[in-house]
N, C-alpha and C. Protein backbone atom coordinates (compact mmCIF):
# COMPACT_ATOMS: atom_id res chain seq x y z
N MET A 1 -146.36 181.89 136.03
CA MET A 1 -145.95 181.98 134.59
C MET A 1 -146.63 181.61 134.03
N LYS A 2 -146.67 182.40 132.75
CA LYS A 2 -148.05 182.45 131.51
C LYS A 2 -147.32 181.46 130.76
N LEU A 3 -148.01 181.03 129.69
CA LEU A 3 -147.47 179.85 128.58
C LEU A 3 -147.90 180.78 127.33
N THR A 4 -146.77 181.36 126.82
CA THR A 4 -146.47 182.30 125.35
C THR A 4 -147.14 180.55 124.44
N ALA A 5 -147.35 181.58 123.62
CA ALA A 5 -147.29 180.36 121.96
C ALA A 5 -146.05 180.04 121.68
N ALA A 6 -144.93 180.43 122.27
CA ALA A 6 -143.69 180.22 121.34
C ALA A 6 -143.11 179.17 122.15
N ARG A 7 -143.44 179.07 123.67
CA ARG A 7 -143.67 177.84 124.92
C ARG A 7 -144.01 177.08 124.90
N ALA A 8 -145.22 176.74 124.17
CA ALA A 8 -146.36 176.18 123.96
C ALA A 8 -145.40 175.32 122.76
N ALA A 9 -145.25 175.98 121.33
CA ALA A 9 -144.63 175.24 120.50
C ALA A 9 -143.19 174.44 120.99
N GLY A 10 -142.76 174.96 121.59
CA GLY A 10 -140.96 173.85 122.17
C GLY A 10 -141.50 173.21 122.99
N LEU A 11 -142.72 173.08 123.70
CA LEU A 11 -143.01 172.24 124.24
C LEU A 11 -143.89 171.05 123.55
N SER A 12 -144.30 171.14 122.40
CA SER A 12 -144.64 170.09 121.79
C SER A 12 -143.72 169.81 120.46
N VAL A 13 -143.25 170.45 120.34
CA VAL A 13 -142.19 170.05 119.47
C VAL A 13 -141.02 168.56 120.45
N SER A 14 -140.84 169.43 121.82
CA SER A 14 -140.09 168.22 122.43
C SER A 14 -140.38 167.31 122.81
N ALA A 15 -141.80 167.15 123.04
CA ALA A 15 -142.37 166.18 123.45
C ALA A 15 -142.87 164.97 121.58
N ALA A 16 -142.61 165.70 120.84
CA ALA A 16 -143.01 165.03 119.74
C ALA A 16 -141.90 164.42 119.51
N VAL A 17 -140.52 165.04 119.63
CA VAL A 17 -139.35 164.07 119.47
C VAL A 17 -138.92 163.09 120.44
N ALA A 18 -139.48 163.32 121.70
CA ALA A 18 -139.00 162.18 122.48
C ALA A 18 -139.89 161.18 122.27
N GLY A 19 -141.16 161.17 121.40
CA GLY A 19 -142.35 160.08 121.25
C GLY A 19 -141.33 159.42 120.23
N LEU A 20 -140.40 160.33 119.15
CA LEU A 20 -140.10 159.94 118.42
C LEU A 20 -139.36 158.73 118.28
N ALA A 21 -138.01 159.28 119.46
CA ALA A 21 -136.69 158.75 120.12
C ALA A 21 -137.35 157.29 120.81
N ILE A 22 -138.74 157.72 121.26
CA ILE A 22 -139.05 156.12 122.39
C ILE A 22 -139.48 154.77 120.75
N LEU A 23 -140.18 155.62 119.94
CA LEU A 23 -140.55 154.85 119.25
C LEU A 23 -139.49 154.04 118.19
N TRP A 24 -138.49 154.82 118.31
CA TRP A 24 -137.39 154.59 117.32
C TRP A 24 -136.19 153.10 118.03
N LEU A 25 -136.40 153.55 119.26
CA LEU A 25 -135.94 152.42 120.18
C LEU A 25 -136.32 151.46 120.16
N ALA A 26 -137.80 151.66 119.94
CA ALA A 26 -138.59 149.97 120.64
C ALA A 26 -138.76 149.62 119.33
N TYR A 27 -138.89 149.95 118.45
CA TYR A 27 -139.31 149.44 117.15
C TYR A 27 -138.30 149.15 116.11
N VAL A 28 -137.51 150.28 115.43
CA VAL A 28 -136.43 150.62 114.59
C VAL A 28 -134.98 150.04 114.94
N ARG A 29 -134.51 150.45 116.11
CA ARG A 29 -133.27 150.45 116.72
C ARG A 29 -133.36 148.46 116.58
N ALA A 30 -132.21 147.81 115.57
CA ALA A 30 -132.08 146.43 115.65
C ALA A 30 -130.32 146.21 115.56
N PRO A 31 -129.80 145.13 116.03
CA PRO A 31 -128.48 144.85 115.85
C PRO A 31 -128.08 144.55 114.45
N GLY A 32 -126.81 145.12 114.11
CA GLY A 32 -126.62 145.35 112.56
C GLY A 32 -126.63 143.53 111.55
N PRO A 33 -125.99 143.52 110.58
CA PRO A 33 -126.15 142.35 109.59
C PRO A 33 -125.07 141.61 110.52
N ILE A 34 -123.97 141.75 110.70
CA ILE A 34 -122.39 141.09 111.31
C ILE A 34 -122.93 140.24 112.80
N GLU A 35 -123.82 140.98 113.94
CA GLU A 35 -124.07 140.24 115.01
C GLU A 35 -125.44 139.29 114.45
N VAL A 36 -126.28 139.79 113.44
CA VAL A 36 -127.27 138.47 113.01
C VAL A 36 -126.37 137.18 112.73
N CYS A 37 -125.30 137.75 111.53
CA CYS A 37 -124.46 136.30 111.01
C CYS A 37 -123.83 135.99 111.92
N ALA A 38 -123.57 136.50 112.92
CA ALA A 38 -122.62 135.86 113.98
C ALA A 38 -123.33 135.07 114.75
N HIS A 39 -124.78 135.26 115.17
CA HIS A 39 -125.29 134.30 115.96
C HIS A 39 -126.18 133.35 114.75
N ILE A 40 -126.05 133.43 113.97
CA ILE A 40 -126.85 132.16 112.63
C ILE A 40 -124.90 131.39 112.66
N ILE A 41 -124.02 132.14 112.77
CA ILE A 41 -123.07 131.11 112.90
C ILE A 41 -122.60 130.05 113.87
N ASP A 42 -122.75 131.07 114.87
CA ASP A 42 -123.05 130.26 116.13
C ASP A 42 -123.90 128.65 116.02
N VAL A 43 -125.41 129.24 115.67
CA VAL A 43 -126.28 128.29 115.63
C VAL A 43 -125.58 127.20 114.90
N THR A 44 -125.57 127.51 113.90
CA THR A 44 -125.12 126.76 113.02
C THR A 44 -123.91 125.84 113.61
N HIS A 45 -122.92 126.32 113.78
CA HIS A 45 -121.66 125.77 114.99
C HIS A 45 -122.54 124.55 115.57
N ARG A 46 -123.04 124.89 116.56
CA ARG A 46 -123.99 123.95 117.43
C ARG A 46 -124.75 122.72 116.23
N GLU A 47 -125.50 122.76 115.81
CA GLU A 47 -125.92 121.98 115.06
C GLU A 47 -125.15 120.88 114.27
N SER A 48 -123.67 121.94 113.70
CA SER A 48 -122.90 120.62 113.23
C SER A 48 -121.87 119.53 113.94
N ASP A 49 -122.00 120.55 115.22
CA ASP A 49 -121.40 119.58 116.06
C ASP A 49 -122.26 118.47 116.45
N ALA A 50 -123.51 118.58 116.98
CA ALA A 50 -124.35 117.43 117.17
C ALA A 50 -124.48 116.64 116.22
N VAL A 51 -124.24 117.04 114.72
CA VAL A 51 -124.16 116.11 113.65
C VAL A 51 -122.81 115.43 113.68
N GLY A 52 -122.05 116.19 113.94
CA GLY A 52 -120.67 115.42 114.01
C GLY A 52 -119.75 115.87 112.26
N LEU A 53 -119.55 116.78 112.22
CA LEU A 53 -118.98 117.52 111.37
C LEU A 53 -117.89 116.86 111.25
N ALA A 54 -116.62 117.36 110.08
CA ALA A 54 -115.28 117.26 110.59
C ALA A 54 -115.10 119.02 110.25
N PRO A 55 -113.62 118.95 110.89
CA PRO A 55 -113.33 120.74 111.49
C PRO A 55 -113.15 121.18 110.19
N ASP A 56 -112.27 120.03 109.34
CA ASP A 56 -111.80 121.29 107.87
C ASP A 56 -113.85 121.48 107.45
N THR A 57 -114.42 120.59 107.57
CA THR A 57 -116.18 120.77 106.58
C THR A 57 -116.67 121.92 107.36
N GLN A 58 -116.07 122.04 108.68
CA GLN A 58 -116.41 123.16 109.26
C GLN A 58 -116.11 124.70 108.90
N ALA A 59 -115.05 124.73 108.57
CA ALA A 59 -114.06 125.97 108.74
C ALA A 59 -114.66 126.22 107.31
N MET A 60 -114.86 125.27 106.14
CA MET A 60 -115.04 125.73 105.21
C MET A 60 -116.57 126.30 105.08
N LEU A 61 -117.67 125.38 105.80
CA LEU A 61 -118.74 126.32 105.77
C LEU A 61 -119.12 127.44 106.22
N ASP A 62 -118.11 127.94 107.37
CA ASP A 62 -117.89 129.21 107.88
C ASP A 62 -117.48 130.41 106.99
N ASP A 63 -116.82 129.94 106.17
CA ASP A 63 -116.14 131.09 104.87
C ASP A 63 -117.46 131.39 104.62
N SER A 64 -118.10 129.93 103.72
CA SER A 64 -118.68 130.33 102.57
C SER A 64 -120.01 131.08 103.51
N LEU A 65 -120.53 130.89 104.62
CA LEU A 65 -121.56 131.47 104.91
C LEU A 65 -121.61 132.48 105.81
N HIS A 66 -120.36 133.18 106.18
CA HIS A 66 -120.05 134.38 106.49
C HIS A 66 -120.56 135.56 105.38
N GLN A 67 -120.00 135.53 103.80
CA GLN A 67 -120.14 136.45 103.46
C GLN A 67 -121.05 136.44 102.65
N ARG A 68 -121.60 134.93 102.16
CA ARG A 68 -123.28 134.80 101.90
C ARG A 68 -124.30 135.78 102.86
N CYS A 69 -124.42 135.28 104.08
CA CYS A 69 -125.24 135.77 105.10
C CYS A 69 -124.75 137.49 105.38
N LEU A 70 -123.31 137.36 105.64
CA LEU A 70 -123.51 139.57 105.33
C LEU A 70 -124.36 139.97 104.16
N GLN A 71 -124.02 139.08 102.49
CA GLN A 71 -124.63 140.32 101.79
C GLN A 71 -125.97 140.10 101.58
N HIS A 72 -126.67 138.62 102.02
CA HIS A 72 -127.74 138.63 102.25
C HIS A 72 -128.86 139.78 103.30
N LYS A 73 -127.71 139.54 104.24
CA LYS A 73 -128.73 141.12 105.22
C LYS A 73 -128.77 142.21 104.52
N HIS A 74 -127.45 142.76 104.24
CA HIS A 74 -127.60 144.08 103.79
C HIS A 74 -128.80 144.16 102.24
N ASP A 75 -129.03 143.15 101.62
CA ASP A 75 -129.49 143.40 100.56
C ASP A 75 -131.14 143.08 101.39
N LYS A 76 -131.23 142.89 102.26
CA LYS A 76 -132.64 142.44 103.04
C LYS A 76 -132.71 144.14 103.59
N ILE A 77 -131.98 144.56 104.07
CA ILE A 77 -132.27 145.72 104.60
C ILE A 77 -132.50 146.95 102.97
N GLN A 78 -131.64 146.53 102.67
CA GLN A 78 -131.86 147.98 101.28
C GLN A 78 -133.31 147.32 100.58
N LEU A 79 -134.02 146.45 100.65
CA LEU A 79 -135.17 146.10 100.00
C LEU A 79 -136.16 145.98 100.86
N ARG A 80 -136.04 145.80 102.26
CA ARG A 80 -137.49 145.33 102.92
C ARG A 80 -137.36 147.35 104.12
N GLY A 81 -136.55 147.29 104.17
CA GLY A 81 -136.38 148.79 105.08
C GLY A 81 -136.39 148.69 106.64
N ARG A 82 -136.12 149.40 107.47
CA ARG A 82 -135.45 149.56 108.37
C ARG A 82 -136.24 148.65 109.68
N ILE A 83 -137.55 149.05 109.39
CA ILE A 83 -138.30 148.64 110.52
C ILE A 83 -138.91 146.96 110.33
N ALA A 84 -138.84 146.55 108.94
CA ALA A 84 -138.77 145.07 108.54
C ALA A 84 -137.76 144.39 109.31
N TRP A 85 -136.62 145.07 108.68
CA TRP A 85 -135.22 144.61 109.14
C TRP A 85 -135.40 144.24 111.01
N ALA A 86 -135.61 145.22 111.64
CA ALA A 86 -135.66 145.56 112.76
C ALA A 86 -136.50 144.20 113.45
N ARG A 87 -137.73 143.74 113.32
CA ARG A 87 -138.97 142.89 113.62
C ARG A 87 -137.49 141.51 113.02
N TYR A 88 -136.94 141.06 111.69
CA TYR A 88 -136.68 140.17 111.38
C TYR A 88 -135.26 139.76 112.00
N ALA A 89 -134.29 140.57 112.27
CA ALA A 89 -133.05 141.21 113.10
C ALA A 89 -133.15 140.49 114.86
N LYS A 90 -133.98 140.60 115.34
CA LYS A 90 -134.81 140.66 116.90
C LYS A 90 -135.35 139.48 117.08
N CYS A 91 -135.75 138.39 115.65
CA CYS A 91 -136.43 137.58 116.11
C CYS A 91 -135.31 136.47 115.44
N VAL A 92 -134.65 136.47 114.94
CA VAL A 92 -133.22 135.53 114.33
C VAL A 92 -132.37 135.27 115.95
N LEU A 93 -132.15 136.76 116.63
CA LEU A 93 -131.25 136.71 117.61
C LEU A 93 -131.81 135.99 119.01
N ALA A 94 -133.07 136.30 118.54
CA ALA A 94 -133.54 134.86 119.93
C ALA A 94 -134.21 133.83 119.68
N ALA A 95 -134.43 133.08 118.41
CA ALA A 95 -134.04 132.12 118.13
C ALA A 95 -132.76 131.16 118.33
N GLU A 96 -132.60 129.95 118.70
CA GLU A 96 -132.11 129.02 119.41
C GLU A 96 -131.38 127.84 118.32
N ASP A 97 -132.26 127.87 117.69
CA ASP A 97 -131.93 126.65 116.26
C ASP A 97 -132.19 126.96 114.83
N LEU A 98 -131.75 126.74 113.52
CA LEU A 98 -132.07 126.56 112.77
C LEU A 98 -133.38 126.84 111.88
N ARG A 99 -134.34 126.06 112.72
CA ARG A 99 -135.66 125.68 111.87
C ARG A 99 -136.42 127.12 112.68
N THR A 100 -135.99 127.64 113.55
CA THR A 100 -136.36 128.75 114.06
C THR A 100 -136.09 129.99 113.59
N ILE A 101 -134.63 130.13 112.99
CA ILE A 101 -134.24 131.10 112.40
C ILE A 101 -134.69 131.28 110.89
N GLY A 102 -135.20 130.12 110.47
CA GLY A 102 -136.02 130.06 109.10
C GLY A 102 -137.14 130.57 108.95
N ARG A 103 -137.98 130.45 110.00
CA ARG A 103 -139.10 130.68 110.08
C ARG A 103 -139.33 132.56 110.49
N CYS A 104 -138.32 132.76 110.42
CA CYS A 104 -137.80 134.03 110.75
C CYS A 104 -138.47 134.88 109.85
C-alpha cells in the first residue's frame, strides 16, 4: 500500500488534532467557577466550624461569599485566560485550607 500525498496529509492532520486534544485535557481543561467556589465555601465552613461561628453568621457568610466568589472567578477567566484559569482552579481544588487557597 503506497502512501499518497493526500493520505500523508490526512495522517498529519489527525496527529495534530490528537496532540491538541491531549494538550487541552492536560493543561486547559479545568473545573468551572461553580466547582471552585463550592470548594472554597466548603473549606471556609470547615475553618469557621473550628473557630465556632454561630449558624446565622455562617449563613450570612455563605450568601455573600457565593455571589462575590462567582463574579470574581468569572472575571479571572476573562482577564487571565483559560490556561491561567486551569492552573488556578486545579491549585484551589487541591488546597485543603484557606491559606493555601490564598497562595494559588
